[in-house]
C-alpha atoms as a PDB file:
ATOM      1  CA  MET A   1      21.990 -15.482 -32.384  1.00  0.00           C
ATOM      2  CA  ASP A   2      18.369 -14.725 -31.473  1.00  0.00           C
ATOM      3  CA  ALA A   3      17.723 -14.640 -27.710  1.00  0.00           C
ATOM      4  CA  LEU A   4      14.861 -17.149 -27.891  1.00  0.00           C
ATOM      5  CA  GLN A   5      16.948 -19.520 -29.993  1.00  0.00           C
ATOM      6  CA  GLN A   6      19.817 -19.186 -27.525  1.00  0.00           C
ATOM      7  CA  LEU A   7      17.606 -20.102 -24.562  1.00  0.00           C
ATOM      8  CA  LEU A   8      15.945 -23.056 -26.287  1.00  0.00           C
ATOM      9  CA  PHE A   9      18.985 -24.647 -27.899  1.00  0.00           C
ATOM     10  CA  HIS A  10      22.121 -23.399 -26.134  1.00  0.00           C
ATOM     11  CA  THR A  11      21.249 -22.935 -22.472  1.00  0.00           C
ATOM     12  CA  ALA A  12      22.132 -25.743 -20.071  1.00  0.00           C
ATOM     13  CA  PRO A  13      19.272 -27.114 -17.931  1.00  0.00           C
ATOM     14  CA  LEU A  14      19.150 -25.943 -14.336  1.00  0.00           C
ATOM     15  CA  GLU A  15      20.419 -28.298 -11.659  1.00  0.00           C
ATOM     16  CA  ASP A  16      16.970 -28.741 -10.097  1.00  0.00           C
ATOM     17  CA  MET A  17      15.319 -29.712 -13.402  1.00  0.00           C
ATOM     18  CA  PRO A  18      14.325 -33.391 -13.845  1.00  0.00           C
ATOM     19  CA  ILE A  19      17.347 -34.371 -15.969  1.00  0.00           C
ATOM     20  CA  GLN A  20      18.361 -37.963 -16.702  1.00  0.00           C
ATOM     21  CA  ALA A  21      22.026 -37.785 -17.601  1.00  0.00           C
ATOM     22  CA  ASP A  22      21.984 -41.003 -19.643  1.00  0.00           C
ATOM     23  CA  TYR A  23      19.590 -39.648 -22.279  1.00  0.00           C
ATOM     24  CA  ARG A  24      19.625 -36.925 -24.885  1.00  0.00           C
ATOM     25  CA  ILE A  25      17.560 -33.768 -24.514  1.00  0.00           C
ATOM     26  CA  LYS A  26      15.368 -32.831 -27.452  1.00  0.00           C
ATOM     27  CA  THR A  27      13.555 -29.562 -28.121  1.00  0.00           C
ATOM     28  CA  TYR A  28       9.996 -29.734 -29.428  1.00  0.00           C
ATOM     29  CA  ALA A  29       7.234 -27.270 -30.265  1.00  0.00           C
ATOM     30  CA  ILE A  30       3.460 -27.591 -30.091  1.00  0.00           C
ATOM     31  CA  ILE A  31       1.813 -25.360 -32.683  1.00  0.00           C
ATOM     32  CA  ASP A  32      -1.895 -24.525 -32.687  1.00  0.00           C
ATOM     33  CA  CYS A  33      -3.079 -24.642 -36.309  1.00  0.00           C
ATOM     34  CA  ALA A  34      -6.515 -23.362 -35.254  1.00  0.00           C
ATOM     35  CA  SER A  35      -5.034 -19.957 -34.444  1.00  0.00           C
ATOM     36  CA  ASP A  36      -4.167 -19.235 -38.091  1.00  0.00           C
ATOM     37  CA  GLU A  37      -5.039 -21.151 -41.267  1.00  0.00           C
ATOM     38  CA  GLN A  38      -1.510 -20.539 -42.597  1.00  0.00           C
ATOM     39  CA  HIS A  39       0.064 -22.577 -39.790  1.00  0.00           C
ATOM     40  CA  TYR A  40      -1.145 -25.873 -41.241  1.00  0.00           C
ATOM     41  CA  GLN A  41       0.110 -24.982 -44.720  1.00  0.00           C
ATOM     42  CA  GLN A  42       3.503 -24.041 -43.285  1.00  0.00           C
ATOM     43  CA  LEU A  43       3.627 -27.362 -41.451  1.00  0.00           C
ATOM     44  CA  LEU A  44       2.891 -29.331 -44.632  1.00  0.00           C
ATOM     45  CA  SER A  45       5.637 -27.515 -46.526  1.00  0.00           C
ATOM     46  CA  GLN A  46       8.453 -28.695 -44.235  1.00  0.00           C
ATOM     47  CA  ASP A  47      10.077 -32.073 -43.582  1.00  0.00           C
ATOM     48  CA  LEU A  48      10.540 -32.040 -39.804  1.00  0.00           C
ATOM     49  CA  LYS A  49       9.085 -34.959 -37.859  1.00  0.00           C
ATOM     50  CA  HIS A  50       5.676 -34.078 -36.425  1.00  0.00           C
ATOM     51  CA  ALA A  51       2.590 -35.724 -34.948  1.00  0.00           C
ATOM     52  CA  ILE A  52      -1.024 -34.614 -34.650  1.00  0.00           C
ATOM     53  CA  LEU A  53      -2.298 -34.383 -31.059  1.00  0.00           C
ATOM     54  CA  TYR A  54      -5.919 -35.257 -31.789  1.00  0.00           C
ATOM     55  CA  LYS A  55      -7.069 -38.864 -31.766  1.00  0.00           C
ATOM     56  CA  ASP A  56      -9.335 -41.105 -33.851  1.00  0.00           C
ATOM     57  CA  GLU A  57     -12.031 -39.272 -35.831  1.00  0.00           C
ATOM     58  CA  ASP A  58     -10.905 -35.870 -34.581  1.00  0.00           C
ATOM     59  CA  ALA A  59      -7.482 -36.468 -36.137  1.00  0.00           C
ATOM     60  CA  SER A  60      -8.993 -37.011 -39.592  1.00  0.00           C
ATOM     61  CA  ASN A  61     -11.860 -34.518 -39.402  1.00  0.00           C
ATOM     62  CA  LEU A  62      -9.935 -31.645 -37.796  1.00  0.00           C
ATOM     63  CA  GLU A  63      -6.409 -32.091 -39.128  1.00  0.00           C
ATOM     64  CA  THR A  64      -6.194 -28.534 -40.543  1.00  0.00           C
ATOM     65  CA  VAL A  65      -7.023 -26.912 -37.171  1.00  0.00           C
ATOM     66  CA  ALA A  66      -5.397 -29.405 -34.818  1.00  0.00           C
ATOM     67  CA  PRO A  67      -2.385 -28.962 -32.518  1.00  0.00           C
ATOM     68  CA  TYR A  68       0.835 -30.644 -33.689  1.00  0.00           C
ATOM     69  CA  LEU A  69       3.959 -31.732 -31.815  1.00  0.00           C
ATOM     70  CA  ILE A  70       7.087 -30.987 -33.871  1.00  0.00           C
ATOM     71  CA  GLU A  71      10.634 -32.255 -33.317  1.00  0.00           C
ATOM     72  CA  LEU A  72      12.777 -29.185 -33.947  1.00  0.00           C
ATOM     73  CA  ASP A  73      16.069 -28.866 -35.778  1.00  0.00           C
ATOM     74  CA  GLU A  74      17.754 -25.603 -34.840  1.00  0.00           C
ATOM     75  CA  GLU A  75      19.076 -24.918 -38.340  1.00  0.00           C
ATOM     76  CA  HIS A  76      15.860 -25.759 -40.183  1.00  0.00           C
ATOM     77  CA  ASP A  77      14.031 -22.894 -41.892  1.00  0.00           C
ATOM     78  CA  TYR A  78      10.762 -23.918 -40.238  1.00  0.00           C
ATOM     79  CA  THR A  79      12.322 -23.663 -36.775  1.00  0.00           C
ATOM     80  CA  GLN A  80      13.579 -20.191 -37.609  1.00  0.00           C
ATOM     81  CA  TRP A  81      10.082 -19.270 -38.808  1.00  0.00           C
ATOM     82  CA  LEU A  82       8.586 -20.434 -35.500  1.00  0.00           C
ATOM     83  CA  LEU A  83      11.102 -18.458 -33.459  1.00  0.00           C
ATOM     84  CA  THR A  84      10.869 -15.216 -35.421  1.00  0.00           C
ATOM     85  CA  GLU A  85       7.352 -15.025 -36.869  1.00  0.00           C
ATOM     86  CA  LEU A  86       5.119 -16.570 -34.208  1.00  0.00           C
ATOM     87  CA  TRP A  87       6.264 -14.663 -31.147  1.00  0.00           C
ATOM     88  CA  GLY A  88       3.304 -12.741 -29.740  1.00  0.00           C
ATOM     89  CA  THR A  89       0.678 -14.875 -31.513  1.00  0.00           C
ATOM     90  CA  HIS A  90      -0.063 -17.210 -28.551  1.00  0.00           C
ATOM     91  CA  SER A  91       0.062 -20.151 -30.957  1.00  0.00           C
ATOM     92  CA  VAL A  92       3.211 -22.057 -29.959  1.00  0.00           C
ATOM     93  CA  ILE A  93       4.922 -23.451 -26.870  1.00  0.00           C
ATOM     94  CA  TYR A  94       8.319 -25.156 -26.579  1.00  0.00           C
ATOM     95  CA  ILE A  95       9.157 -28.330 -24.697  1.00  0.00           C
ATOM     96  CA  LYS A  96      12.378 -30.022 -23.651  1.00  0.00           C
ATOM     97  CA  SER A  97      12.200 -33.770 -23.118  1.00  0.00           C
ATOM     98  CA  HIS A  98      14.201 -37.007 -23.057  1.00  0.00           C
ATOM     99  CA  TYR A  99      11.396 -38.750 -24.949  1.00  0.00           C
ATOM    100  CA  ALA A 100      11.055 -39.498 -28.643  1.00  0.00           C
ATOM    101  CA  LEU A 101       8.356 -37.796 -30.713  1.00  0.00           C
ATOM    102  CA  GLU A 102       5.634 -40.454 -30.810  1.00  0.00           C
ATOM    103  CA  PRO A 103       5.540 -41.441 -27.119  1.00  0.00           C
ATOM    104  CA  LEU A 104       5.581 -37.759 -26.176  1.00  0.00           C
ATOM    105  CA  ALA A 105       2.723 -37.086 -28.595  1.00  0.00           C
ATOM    106  CA  GLU A 106       0.760 -40.000 -27.155  1.00  0.00           C
ATOM    107  CA  HIS A 107       1.135 -38.474 -23.696  1.00  0.00           C
ATOM    108  CA  PHE A 108      -0.199 -35.071 -24.790  1.00  0.00           C
ATOM    109  CA  ARG A 109      -3.089 -36.562 -26.807  1.00  0.00           C
ATOM    110  CA  ARG A 110      -4.633 -37.475 -23.478  1.00  0.00           C
ATOM    111  CA  TYR A 111      -4.969 -33.773 -22.622  1.00  0.00           C
ATOM    112  CA  THR A 112      -6.396 -32.349 -25.863  1.00  0.00           C
ATOM    113  CA  LYS A 113      -9.834 -33.716 -24.964  1.00  0.00           C
ATOM    114  CA  VAL A 114     -10.899 -33.849 -21.341  1.00  0.00           C
ATOM    115  CA  VAL A 115     -13.933 -34.888 -19.330  1.00  0.00           C
ATOM    116  CA  VAL A 116     -15.887 -31.912 -17.987  1.00  0.00           C
ATOM    117  CA  GLU A 117     -17.840 -32.427 -14.779  1.00  0.00           C
ATOM    118  CA  PRO A 118     -21.441 -31.083 -14.675  1.00  0.00           C
ATOM    119  CA  ARG A 119     -22.048 -28.037 -12.512  1.00  0.00           C
ATOM    120  CA  GLN A 120     -24.803 -27.763  -9.931  1.00  0.00           C
ATOM    121  CA  ASN A 121     -26.833 -25.272 -11.974  1.00  0.00           C
ATOM    122  CA  ASP A 122     -25.961 -26.896 -15.288  1.00  0.00           C
ATOM    123  CA  ASN A 123     -28.532 -28.471 -17.585  1.00  0.00           C
ATOM    124  CA  ARG A 124     -26.163 -31.380 -18.085  1.00  0.00           C
ATOM    125  CA  SER A 125     -26.743 -34.296 -15.710  1.00  0.00           C
ATOM    126  CA  ALA A 126     -23.634 -36.219 -16.779  1.00  0.00           C
ATOM    127  CA  SER A 127     -20.029 -35.465 -17.601  1.00  0.00           C
ATOM    128  CA  THR A 128     -19.186 -34.545 -21.187  1.00  0.00           C
ATOM    129  CA  GLU A 129     -16.056 -34.405 -23.322  1.00  0.00           C
ATOM    130  CA  ALA A 130     -14.586 -31.092 -24.424  1.00  0.00           C
ATOM    131  CA  PHE A 131     -11.530 -29.939 -26.347  1.00  0.00           C
ATOM    132  CA  PHE A 132      -8.863 -28.414 -24.137  1.00  0.00           C
ATOM    133  CA  ALA A 133      -6.194 -26.097 -25.575  1.00  0.00           C
ATOM    134  CA  PHE A 134      -3.557 -26.555 -22.861  1.00  0.00           C
ATOM    135  CA  TYR A 135      -0.950 -25.618 -25.493  1.00  0.00           C
ATOM    136  CA  ASP A 136      -2.184 -22.013 -25.663  1.00  0.00           C
ATOM    137  CA  PRO A 137       0.421 -20.100 -23.585  1.00  0.00           C
ATOM    138  CA  ARG A 138      -2.346 -18.130 -21.872  1.00  0.00           C
ATOM    139  CA  VAL A 139      -4.228 -21.304 -20.934  1.00  0.00           C
ATOM    140  CA  MET A 140      -1.070 -23.140 -19.887  1.00  0.00           C
ATOM    141  CA  LYS A 141      -0.109 -20.465 -17.377  1.00  0.00           C
ATOM    142  CA  GLU A 142      -3.582 -20.622 -15.815  1.00  0.00           C
ATOM    143  CA  TYR A 143      -3.741 -24.427 -15.950  1.00  0.00           C
ATOM    144  CA  PHE A 144      -0.484 -24.845 -14.055  1.00  0.00           C
ATOM    145  CA  SER A 145      -1.807 -22.695 -11.223  1.00  0.00           C
ATOM    146  CA  LEU A 146      -4.856 -24.981 -10.792  1.00  0.00           C
ATOM    147  CA  LEU A 147      -3.241 -28.423 -10.768  1.00  0.00           C
ATOM    148  CA  THR A 148      -2.876 -30.560  -7.674  1.00  0.00           C
ATOM    149  CA  ARG A 149       0.544 -32.066  -6.995  1.00  0.00           C
ATOM    150  CA  GLU A 150      -0.646 -35.419  -8.328  1.00  0.00           C
ATOM    151  CA  GLN A 151      -2.024 -33.848 -11.523  1.00  0.00           C
ATOM    152  CA  MET A 152       1.147 -31.822 -12.000  1.00  0.00           C
ATOM    153  CA  THR A 153       3.370 -34.885 -11.606  1.00  0.00           C
ATOM    154  CA  GLU A 154       1.304 -36.797 -14.155  1.00  0.00           C
ATOM    155  CA  PHE A 155       1.166 -33.956 -16.687  1.00  0.00           C
ATOM    156  CA  CYS A 156       4.895 -33.261 -16.494  1.00  0.00           C
ATOM    157  CA  ALA A 157       6.064 -36.893 -16.345  1.00  0.00           C
ATOM    158  CA  PRO A 158       7.875 -36.912 -19.736  1.00  0.00           C
ATOM    159  CA  VAL A 159       8.832 -33.225 -19.723  1.00  0.00           C
ATOM    160  CA  ILE A 160      11.949 -31.416 -18.534  1.00  0.00           C
ATOM    161  CA  SER A 161      10.527 -27.939 -19.088  1.00  0.00           C
ATOM    162  CA  PHE A 162       7.860 -25.903 -20.894  1.00  0.00           C
ATOM    163  CA  SER A 163       8.726 -22.494 -22.404  1.00  0.00           C
ATOM    164  CA  TYR A 164       6.096 -20.023 -23.602  1.00  0.00           C
ATOM    165  CA  GLU A 165       5.487 -16.306 -24.003  1.00  0.00           C
ATOM    166  CA  ASP A 166       4.089 -14.188 -21.171  1.00  0.00           C
ATOM    167  CA  GLU A 167       1.175 -12.024 -22.305  1.00  0.00           C
ATOM    168  CA  GLN A 168       1.505  -9.839 -19.197  1.00  0.00           C
ATOM    169  CA  GLN A 169       5.117  -8.853 -19.885  1.00  0.00           C
ATOM    170  CA  PRO A 170       6.028  -8.140 -23.517  1.00  0.00           C
ATOM    171  CA  TYR A 171       9.048 -10.022 -24.808  1.00  0.00           C
ATOM    172  CA  SER A 172       9.306 -12.159 -21.688  1.00  0.00           C
ATOM    173  CA  LEU A 173       9.663 -15.934 -21.784  1.00  0.00           C
ATOM    174  CA  LEU A 174       8.216 -18.145 -19.062  1.00  0.00           C
ATOM    175  CA  THR A 175      10.011 -21.430 -18.380  1.00  0.00           C
ATOM    176  CA  SER A 176       8.037 -23.796 -16.166  1.00  0.00           C
ATOM    177  CA  TYR A 177       9.168 -27.116 -14.749  1.00  0.00           C
ATOM    178  CA  LEU A 178       8.534 -29.585 -11.963  1.00  0.00           C
ATOM    179  CA  LYS A 179      11.620 -29.751  -9.771  1.00  0.00           C
ATOM    180  CA  ALA A 180      13.533 -33.039  -9.803  1.00  0.00           C
ATOM    181  CA  SER A 181      12.405 -33.671  -6.226  1.00  0.00           C
ATOM    182  CA  GLY A 182       8.806 -33.660  -7.493  1.00  0.00           C
ATOM    183  CA  GLU A 183       7.742 -31.468  -4.589  1.00  0.00           C
ATOM    184  CA  GLN A 184       7.634 -28.013  -6.120  1.00  0.00           C
ATOM    185  CA  TRP A 185       6.620 -26.318  -9.367  1.00  0.00           C
ATOM    186  CA  ASN A 186       8.816 -23.482 -10.552  1.00  0.00           C
ATOM    187  CA  THR A 187       8.411 -20.806 -13.227  1.00  0.00           C
ATOM    188  CA  LEU A 188      11.235 -18.549 -14.353  1.00  0.00           C
ATOM    189  CA  VAL A 189      10.679 -15.231 -16.135  1.00  0.00           C
ATOM    190  CA  THR A 190      13.332 -14.202 -18.667  1.00  0.00           C
ATOM    191  CA  ASN A 191      13.315 -10.826 -20.386  1.00  0.00           C
ATOM    192  CA  LEU A 192      14.578 -11.706 -23.863  1.00  0.00           C
ATOM    193  CA  SER A 193      15.650  -8.125 -24.526  1.00  0.00           C
ATOM    194  CA  GLN A 194      18.255  -8.454 -21.752  1.00  0.00           C
ATOM    195  CA  ILE A 195      19.874 -11.620 -23.127  1.00  0.00           C
ATOM    196  CA  GLN A 196      23.339 -10.880 -24.463  1.00  0.00           C
ATOM    197  CA  PRO A 197      23.772 -12.095 -28.072  1.00  0.00           C
ATOM    198  CA  ALA A 198      26.052 -15.109 -28.475  1.00  0.00           C
ATOM    199  CA  GLU A 199      27.929 -16.503 -31.425  1.00  0.00           C
ATOM    200  CA  LYS A 200      26.798 -19.830 -32.795  1.00  0.00           C
ATOM    201  CA  SER A 201      29.039 -22.589 -31.546  1.00  0.00           C
ATOM    202  CA  THR A 202      30.785 -24.873 -34.039  1.00  0.00           C
ATOM    203  CA  ALA A 203      31.492 -27.461 -31.341  1.00  0.00           C
ATOM    204  CA  THR A 204      29.863 -30.864 -31.579  1.00  0.00           C
ATOM    205  CA  ASP A 205      26.844 -31.323 -29.343  1.00  0.00           C
ATOM    206  CA  GLU A 206      27.940 -33.634 -26.545  1.00  0.00           C
ATOM    207  CA  THR A 207      24.427 -35.079 -26.243  1.00  0.00           C
ATOM    208  CA  GLU A 208      24.829 -36.686 -29.674  1.00  0.00           C
ATOM    209  CA  ALA A 209      27.036 -39.294 -28.021  1.00  0.00           C
ATOM    210  CA  LEU A 210      24.300 -40.226 -25.564  1.00  0.00           C
ATOM    211  CA  PRO A 211      21.823 -43.087 -26.112  1.00  0.00           C
ATOM    212  CA  GLU A 212      18.691 -42.574 -28.200  1.00  0.00           C
ATOM    213  CA  LEU A 213      15.648 -40.803 -26.806  1.00  0.00           C
ATOM    214  CA  LYS A 214      13.348 -42.666 -24.430  1.00  0.00           C
ATOM    215  CA  ASP A 215      10.321 -44.434 -25.881  1.00  0.00           C
ATOM    216  CA  ASP A 216       8.928 -46.426 -22.948  1.00  0.00           C
ATOM    217  CA  ILE A 217       6.262 -43.979 -21.766  1.00  0.00           C
ATOM    218  CA  GLU A 218       3.143 -45.290 -20.008  1.00  0.00           C
ATOM    219  CA  VAL A 219      -0.064 -43.402 -20.787  1.00  0.00           C
ATOM    220  CA  PRO A 220      -2.921 -43.948 -18.290  1.00  0.00           C
ATOM    221  CA  ILE A 221      -6.218 -45.176 -19.725  1.00  0.00           C
ATOM    222  CA  ILE A 222      -8.270 -43.053 -17.309  1.00  0.00           C
ATOM    223  CA  PRO A 223      -9.334 -39.771 -19.007  1.00  0.00           C
ATOM    224  CA  VAL A 224      -8.244 -36.373 -17.712  1.00  0.00           C
ATOM    225  CA  ILE A 225     -11.019 -34.706 -15.701  1.00  0.00           C
ATOM    226  CA  LEU A 226     -11.564 -30.956 -15.516  1.00  0.00           C
ATOM    227  CA  THR A 227     -13.183 -30.283 -12.147  1.00  0.00           C
ATOM    228  CA  THR A 228     -15.890 -27.692 -11.586  1.00  0.00           C
ATOM    229  CA  ALA A 229     -13.396 -25.532  -9.664  1.00  0.00           C
ATOM    230  CA  GLN A 230     -11.000 -25.641 -12.617  1.00  0.00           C
ATOM    231  CA  GLN A 231     -13.865 -24.885 -15.017  1.00  0.00           C
ATOM    232  CA  ASP A 232     -14.875 -21.871 -12.922  1.00  0.00           C
ATOM    233  CA  ALA A 233     -11.309 -20.570 -12.895  1.00  0.00           C
ATOM    234  CA  PHE A 234     -10.970 -20.998 -16.659  1.00  0.00           C
ATOM    235  CA  ASP A 235     -14.338 -19.333 -17.237  1.00  0.00           C
ATOM    236  CA  GLU A 236     -13.258 -16.344 -15.169  1.00  0.00           C
ATOM    237  CA  TYR A 237      -9.997 -16.160 -17.098  1.00  0.00           C
ATOM    238  CA  ARG A 238     -11.932 -16.416 -20.391  1.00  0.00           C
ATOM    239  CA  ARG A 239     -14.276 -13.595 -19.368  1.00  0.00           C
ATOM    240  CA  HIS A 240     -11.428 -11.243 -18.442  1.00  0.00           C
ATOM    241  CA  LYS A 241      -9.602 -12.089 -21.659  1.00  0.00           C
ATOM    242  CA  TYR A 242     -12.747 -11.432 -23.723  1.00  0.00           C
ATOM    243  CA  CYS A 243     -13.548  -8.152 -21.960  1.00  0.00           C
ATOM    244  CA  LYS A 244      -9.999  -6.871 -22.181  1.00  0.00           C
ATOM    245  CA  GLN A 245     -10.030  -7.429 -25.947  1.00  0.00           C
ATOM    246  CA  LEU A 246     -13.513  -5.932 -26.304  1.00  0.00           C
ATOM    247  CA  LEU A 247     -12.582  -2.780 -24.385  1.00  0.00           C
ATOM    248  CA  SER A 248      -9.469  -2.263 -26.500  1.00  0.00           C
ATOM    249  CA  GLU A 249     -11.664  -2.403 -29.619  1.00  0.00           C
ATOM    250  CA  LEU A 250     -14.307  -0.075 -28.158  1.00  0.00           C
ATOM    251  CA  GLN A 251     -11.959   2.505 -26.610  1.00  0.00           C
ATOM    252  CA  PRO A 252     -11.314   4.512 -29.820  1.00  0.00           C
ATOM    253  CA  HIS A 253     -15.068   4.968 -30.323  1.00  0.00           C
ATOM    254  CA  TYR A 254     -16.578   5.149 -26.822  1.00  0.00           C
ATOM    255  CA  ASP A 255     -15.716   6.487 -23.398  1.00  0.00           C
ATOM    256  CA  VAL A 256     -14.500   3.126 -22.056  1.00  0.00           C
ATOM    257  CA  GLY A 257     -11.071   1.750 -21.220  1.00  0.00           C
ATOM    258  CA  PRO A 258      -8.981  -0.757 -19.240  1.00  0.00           C
ATOM    259  CA  ASN A 259     -10.338   0.560 -15.914  1.00  0.00           C
ATOM    260  CA  ASP A 260     -13.769  -0.769 -16.903  1.00  0.00           C
ATOM    261  CA  GLU A 261     -12.606  -4.379 -17.138  1.00  0.00           C
ATOM    262  CA  ASN A 262     -14.092  -5.582 -13.832  1.00  0.00           C
ATOM    263  CA  ASP A 263     -17.435  -3.916 -14.598  1.00  0.00           C
ATOM    264  CA  ALA A 264     -17.377  -5.436 -18.083  1.00  0.00           C
ATOM    265  CA  VAL A 265     -16.807  -8.914 -16.630  1.00  0.00           C
ATOM    266  CA  HIS A 266     -19.735  -8.362 -14.250  1.00  0.00           C
ATOM    267  CA  TYR A 267     -21.998  -7.395 -17.162  1.00  0.00           C
ATOM    268  CA  LEU A 268     -20.784 -10.371 -19.202  1.00  0.00           C
ATOM    269  CA  LYS A 269     -21.905 -12.669 -16.377  1.00  0.00           C
ATOM    270  CA  GLU A 270     -25.277 -10.906 -16.374  1.00  0.00           C
ATOM    271  CA  ALA A 271     -25.549 -11.415 -20.135  1.00  0.00           C
ATOM    272  CA  GLU A 272     -24.841 -15.145 -19.729  1.00  0.00           C
ATOM    273  CA  LYS A 273     -27.471 -15.475 -16.997  1.00  0.00           C
ATOM    274  CA  ILE A 274     -30.224 -13.914 -19.081  1.00  0.00           C
ATOM    275  CA  GLY A 275     -29.429 -16.101 -22.088  1.00  0.00           C
ATOM    276  CA  LEU A 276     -27.261 -13.881 -24.294  1.00  0.00           C
ATOM    277  CA  HIS A 277     -24.689 -16.262 -25.763  1.00  0.00           C
ATOM    278  CA  SER A 278     -23.553 -14.844 -29.109  1.00  0.00           C
ATOM    279  CA  ASP A 279     -20.603 -12.452 -29.298  1.00  0.00           C
ATOM    280  CA  ALA A 280     -22.808  -9.824 -30.924  1.00  0.00           C
ATOM    281  CA  THR A 281     -25.411  -9.708 -28.153  1.00  0.00           C
ATOM    282  CA  GLN A 282     -22.901 -10.071 -25.321  1.00  0.00           C
ATOM    283  CA  SER A 283     -20.691  -7.254 -26.585  1.00  0.00           C
ATOM    284  CA  ARG A 284     -23.742  -5.036 -27.186  1.00  0.00           C
ATOM    285  CA  TYR A 285     -25.036  -5.769 -23.680  1.00  0.00           C
ATOM    286  CA  ILE A 286     -21.649  -4.946 -22.113  1.00  0.00           C
ATOM    287  CA  LEU A 287     -21.348  -1.698 -24.060  1.00  0.00           C
ATOM    288  CA  THR A 288     -24.912  -0.696 -23.228  1.00  0.00           C
ATOM    289  CA  ALA A 289     -24.468  -1.517 -19.548  1.00  0.00           C
ATOM    290  CA  LEU A 290     -21.215   0.457 -19.337  1.00  0.00           C
ATOM    291  CA  ARG A 291     -22.777   3.500 -20.994  1.00  0.00           C
ATOM    292  CA  ILE A 292     -25.909   3.534 -18.825  1.00  0.00           C
ATOM    293  CA  LYS A 293     -24.390   2.287 -15.548  1.00  0.00           C
ATOM    294  CA  ASP A 294     -24.566   5.680 -13.792  1.00  0.00           C
ATOM    295  CA  SER A 295     -27.968   6.638 -15.202  1.00  0.00           C
ATOM    296  CA  PRO A 296     -31.554   5.964 -14.043  1.00  0.00           C
ATOM    297  CA  VAL A 297     -31.935   3.574 -16.996  1.00  0.00           C
ATOM    298  CA  ALA A 298     -29.550   1.152 -15.311  1.00  0.00           C
ATOM    299  CA  LYS A 299     -31.602   1.128 -12.108  1.00  0.00           C
ATOM    300  CA  SER A 300     -34.760   0.145 -13.946  1.00  0.00           C
ATOM    301  CA  LYS A 301     -35.711  -3.519 -13.971  1.00  0.00           C
ATOM    302  CA  HIS A 302     -37.388  -2.994 -17.327  1.00  0.00           C
ATOM    303  CA  LEU A 303     -34.200  -3.628 -19.346  1.00  0.00           C
ATOM    304  CA  LYS A 304     -33.395  -7.056 -17.888  1.00  0.00           C
ATOM    305  CA  GLN A 305     -37.032  -8.101 -17.939  1.00  0.00           C
ATOM    306  CA  SER A 306     -37.382  -7.092 -21.590  1.00  0.00           C
ATOM    307  CA  LEU A 307     -34.242  -9.023 -22.484  1.00  0.00           C
ATOM    308  CA  LYS A 308     -35.571 -12.138 -20.783  1.00  0.00           C
ATOM    309  CA  LEU A 309     -38.850 -11.878 -22.691  1.00  0.00           C
ATOM    310  CA  ALA A 310     -37.179 -11.256 -26.051  1.00  0.00           C
ATOM    311  CA  PHE A 311     -37.418 -14.492 -28.025  1.00  0.00           C
ATOM    312  CA  ASP A 312     -34.503 -14.128 -30.464  1.00  0.00           C
ATOM    313  CA  GLU A 313     -31.256 -12.276 -31.022  1.00  0.00           C
ATOM    314  CA  HIS A 314     -32.826  -9.602 -33.240  1.00  0.00           C
ATOM    315  CA  SER A 315     -35.419  -8.658 -30.640  1.00  0.00           C
ATOM    316  CA  ARG A 316     -32.743  -8.567 -27.919  1.00  0.00           C
ATOM    317  CA  MET A 317     -30.702  -6.184 -30.045  1.00  0.00           C
ATOM    318  CA  GLN A 318     -33.769  -3.961 -30.337  1.00  0.00           C
ATOM    319  CA  VAL A 319     -34.176  -3.897 -26.555  1.00  0.00           C
ATOM    320  CA  LEU A 320     -30.549  -2.818 -26.130  1.00  0.00           C
ATOM    321  CA  ASP A 321     -30.923  -0.117 -28.771  1.00  0.00           C
ATOM    322  CA  GLN A 322     -34.031   1.172 -26.976  1.00  0.00           C
ATOM    323  CA  ALA A 323     -32.046   1.398 -23.732  1.00  0.00           C
ATOM    324  CA  LEU A 324     -29.417   3.553 -25.450  1.00  0.00           C
ATOM    325  CA  GLU A 325     -32.136   5.717 -26.982  1.00  0.00           C
ATOM    326  CA  GLU A 326     -33.662   6.217 -23.547  1.00  0.00           C
ATOM    327  CA  LEU A 327     -30.252   7.208 -22.210  1.00  0.00           C
ATOM    328  CA  SER A 328     -29.884   9.784 -24.997  1.00  0.00           C
ATOM    329  CA  ARG A 329     -33.318  11.240 -24.229  1.00  0.00           C
ATOM    330  CA  GLN A 330     -32.474  11.562 -20.540  1.00  0.00           C
ATOM    331  CA  LYS A 331     -29.199  13.319 -21.359  1.00  0.00           C
ATOM    332  CA  GLU A 332     -31.017  15.733 -23.671  1.00  0.00           C
ATOM    333  CA  LYS A 333     -33.537  16.569 -20.911  1.00  0.00           C
ATOM    334  CA  ALA A 334     -30.753  17.156 -18.424  1.00  0.00           C
ATOM    335  CA  TYR A 335     -28.959  19.401 -20.924  1.00  0.00           C
ATOM    336  CA  VAL A 336     -32.113  21.492 -21.583  1.00  0.00           C
ATOM    337  CA  ARG A 337     -32.592  22.022 -17.858  1.00  0.00           C
END
């Protein structure tokens, strides 16, 4: 039996997990169809119960890229596909709950679109709505670390535990849960490669004799608010994630690497401040800044001033190219000397 399957379907809950002995425990998955266009097609081809986590017009307009809550059957081919094919893709999390599919989906729909508070230096004068991918394992790990006790209690109300991959430790599963006492959040790290294989049991699941799943969930009407502090933390996480990926792509071609991540994040913030918002201009600015950072070109105010005056993306690209040309000329002069 696969280690992930064993943990999700055949491992007893811990004593300090919020278990209600009179109800069954069901295993669910939330899959992010936006992460791969094939995910939605795979979902349509199977007959497991599932529910879209977007509401109203978003549910109809964005159904092919929406997140879906799926009630899993261990023996179903789709479940096996999730467990074996989607590990490492950051597109699925697993949930254990006493609640039935629809009330659980209604609870999570409240979190897929949140209210974002305006920042002090923001052009927005009022709060706005924004999509929030809490179901991305990388976002979930960060989100949990930012919640107040009240927010954590509310978010985890219908959940026994969340399980998701850890991007920092390959082949490690994180299992997060709010302790039954409600006073402490706990996350366990399990190295799946160290789980001893187990034979599939032919015994009848004792939970089948328990009452049906709960369906009496109460969903607050008040929207979920993402505070400026939480926005700042997510933005910092997003920048590091972006720069880490960028450096891995640039490393085979340029003299840059993982040790440049903090500098890259600094230059990304600079790029945002001077109005560079597309991936193309931001990545070019970061690369240019990293390559000229120890040269006289970097100390000149001309580069930033020229970028501010440039009126479109094409002209900004030209300014960055000129900076690299100037760097090349300076290196040639130094070499001749």
